[in-house]
């Protein structure tokens, strides 16, 4: 079966609908893939980049960006390839940031603990400040 990974630029067009011509092409591509049974994947890095673009470029409130991303990666047409579903479901937009939480989830697959100088990050379970 054929599959594609979606870049941040494509995900943003799907979520914000701008620029309009590119958003239409992105939606048409998504529909065609869905019709043809082609899997579409979104990586954790794309989720983090998209979150930052929504919050810092499009000035979306953090909670709204999280909600939109959760809905997007929960779509039956999208396969999140990493920890995004789990991390986004727990993130409330306060404390350690989304990128730190993704880093933590990735490291904890391979290690028992993460070390940091970041005080907010160190408040998470299995993260220590050095």
Protein backbone atom coordinates (compact mmCIF):
# COMPACT_ATOMS: atom_id res chain seq x y z
CA UNK A 1 0.00 0.00 0.00
CA UNK A 2 1.22 3.46 -0.86
CA UNK A 3 1.54 6.09 1.86
CA UNK A 4 2.70 9.68 2.24
CA UNK A 5 4.10 11.76 5.06
CA UNK A 6 2.60 15.23 5.32
CA UNK A 7 4.91 18.21 5.72
CA UNK A 8 4.13 21.06 8.11
CA UNK A 9 3.20 23.33 5.19
CA UNK A 10 0.51 20.91 4.04
CA UNK A 11 -0.90 20.42 7.55
CA UNK A 12 -1.06 24.18 8.08
CA UNK A 13 -2.95 24.67 4.79
CA UNK A 14 -5.44 22.02 5.86
CA UNK A 15 -5.92 23.63 9.27
CA UNK A 16 -6.00 27.34 8.43
CA UNK A 17 -7.22 27.29 4.83
CA UNK A 18 -4.60 29.81 3.68
CA UNK A 19 -3.35 30.55 1.13
CA UNK A 20 -6.64 29.52 -0.39
CA UNK A 21 -5.27 27.97 -3.60
CA UNK A 22 -2.78 25.81 -1.67
CA UNK A 23 -5.42 24.84 0.89
CA UNK A 24 -7.68 23.65 -1.92
CA UNK A 25 -4.87 21.55 -3.40
CA UNK A 26 -4.14 20.10 0.06
CA UNK A 27 -7.82 19.20 0.61
CA UNK A 28 -8.07 17.69 -2.88
CA UNK A 29 -4.94 15.62 -2.20
CA UNK A 30 -6.35 14.44 1.15
CA UNK A 31 -9.66 13.46 -0.49
CA UNK A 32 -7.90 11.62 -3.33
CA UNK A 33 -5.70 9.70 -0.90
CA UNK A 34 -8.72 8.80 1.23
CA UNK A 35 -10.61 7.59 -1.85
CA UNK A 36 -7.63 5.54 -3.02
CA UNK A 37 -6.96 4.03 0.43
CA UNK A 38 -3.58 5.74 0.75
CA UNK A 39 -2.32 6.28 4.29
CA UNK A 40 -1.27 9.80 5.34
CA UNK A 41 1.23 10.09 8.18
CA UNK A 42 2.13 13.01 10.44
CA UNK A 43 5.32 12.92 12.49
CA UNK A 44 5.83 14.35 15.96
CA UNK A 45 8.16 16.99 14.52
CA UNK A 46 5.46 18.15 12.09
CA UNK A 47 2.96 18.34 14.97
CA UNK A 48 5.39 20.49 17.01
CA UNK A 49 6.19 22.76 14.04
CA UNK A 50 2.49 23.14 13.25
CA UNK A 51 1.70 23.96 16.88
CA UNK A 52 4.38 26.66 16.94
CA UNK A 53 3.18 28.14 13.66
CA UNK A 54 -0.42 28.22 14.89
CA UNK A 55 0.52 29.85 18.20
CA UNK A 56 3.31 32.21 17.17
CA UNK A 57 2.51 33.03 13.53
CA UNK A 58 -1.27 32.73 13.40
CA UNK A 59 -1.62 33.86 17.06
CA UNK A 60 -4.00 31.04 18.01
CA UNK A 61 -4.44 30.51 21.75
CA UNK A 62 -2.40 27.49 22.91
CA UNK A 63 -5.49 25.56 24.02
CA UNK A 64 -7.13 26.11 20.62
CA UNK A 65 -3.99 25.00 18.76
CA UNK A 66 -3.87 21.83 20.87
CA UNK A 67 -7.58 21.16 20.26
CA UNK A 68 -7.27 21.60 16.49
CA UNK A 69 -4.19 19.38 16.32
CA UNK A 70 -5.85 16.68 18.46
CA UNK A 71 -8.85 16.68 16.14
CA UNK A 72 -6.62 16.57 13.06
CA UNK A 73 -4.47 13.64 14.17
CA UNK A 74 -7.54 11.79 15.47
CA UNK A 75 -9.08 11.83 12.01
CA UNK A 76 -9.37 8.34 10.53
CA UNK A 77 -7.58 9.71 7.44
CA UNK A 78 -4.42 10.60 9.43
CA UNK A 79 -1.92 8.34 11.14
CA UNK A 80 0.22 10.01 13.82
CA UNK A 81 3.57 8.24 13.61
CA UNK A 82 4.86 8.97 17.11
CA UNK A 83 3.73 10.22 20.50
CA UNK A 84 1.61 13.16 19.35
CA UNK A 85 -1.80 11.74 20.30
CA UNK A 86 -0.70 10.86 23.82
CA UNK A 87 1.24 14.08 24.41
CA UNK A 88 -1.44 16.39 23.00
CA UNK A 89 -4.16 14.69 25.03
CA UNK A 90 -2.28 15.54 28.24
CA UNK A 91 -1.02 19.03 27.31
CA UNK A 92 -2.99 22.02 28.62
CA UNK A 93 -0.81 24.80 27.25
CA UNK A 94 0.93 25.54 30.56
CA UNK A 95 4.17 24.46 32.19
CA UNK A 96 6.64 22.56 30.05
CA UNK A 97 6.00 23.23 26.38
CA UNK A 98 4.77 20.86 23.71
CA UNK A 99 8.25 20.37 22.23
CA UNK A 100 9.66 19.44 25.66
CA UNK A 101 6.83 16.98 26.20
CA UNK A 102 7.49 15.35 22.81
CA UNK A 103 11.21 15.15 23.61
CA UNK A 104 10.38 13.51 26.94
CA UNK A 105 8.05 10.96 25.35
CA UNK A 106 10.67 10.05 22.77
CA UNK A 107 13.49 9.70 25.31
CA UNK A 108 11.41 7.62 27.70
CA UNK A 109 11.09 4.97 25.00
CA UNK A 110 14.84 4.43 25.37
CA UNK A 111 15.85 5.74 28.80
CA UNK A 112 14.46 5.97 32.31
CA UNK A 113 15.04 9.66 32.88
CA UNK A 114 15.62 12.97 31.11
CA UNK A 115 17.88 15.73 32.44
CA UNK A 116 17.45 19.45 31.82
CA UNK A 117 18.22 22.93 33.11
CA UNK A 118 14.62 24.01 32.39
CA UNK A 119 12.63 24.39 35.64
CA UNK A 120 9.22 23.87 33.99
CA UNK A 121 10.43 20.81 32.08
CA UNK A 122 11.89 19.34 35.29
CA UNK A 123 8.41 19.36 36.87
CA UNK A 124 7.36 16.51 34.58
CA UNK A 125 7.61 12.93 35.79
CA UNK A 126 10.96 11.26 34.99
CA UNK A 127 12.63 14.61 34.23
CA UNK A 128 15.32 16.00 36.56
CA UNK A 129 17.01 19.35 36.71
CA UNK A 130 20.80 19.26 36.87
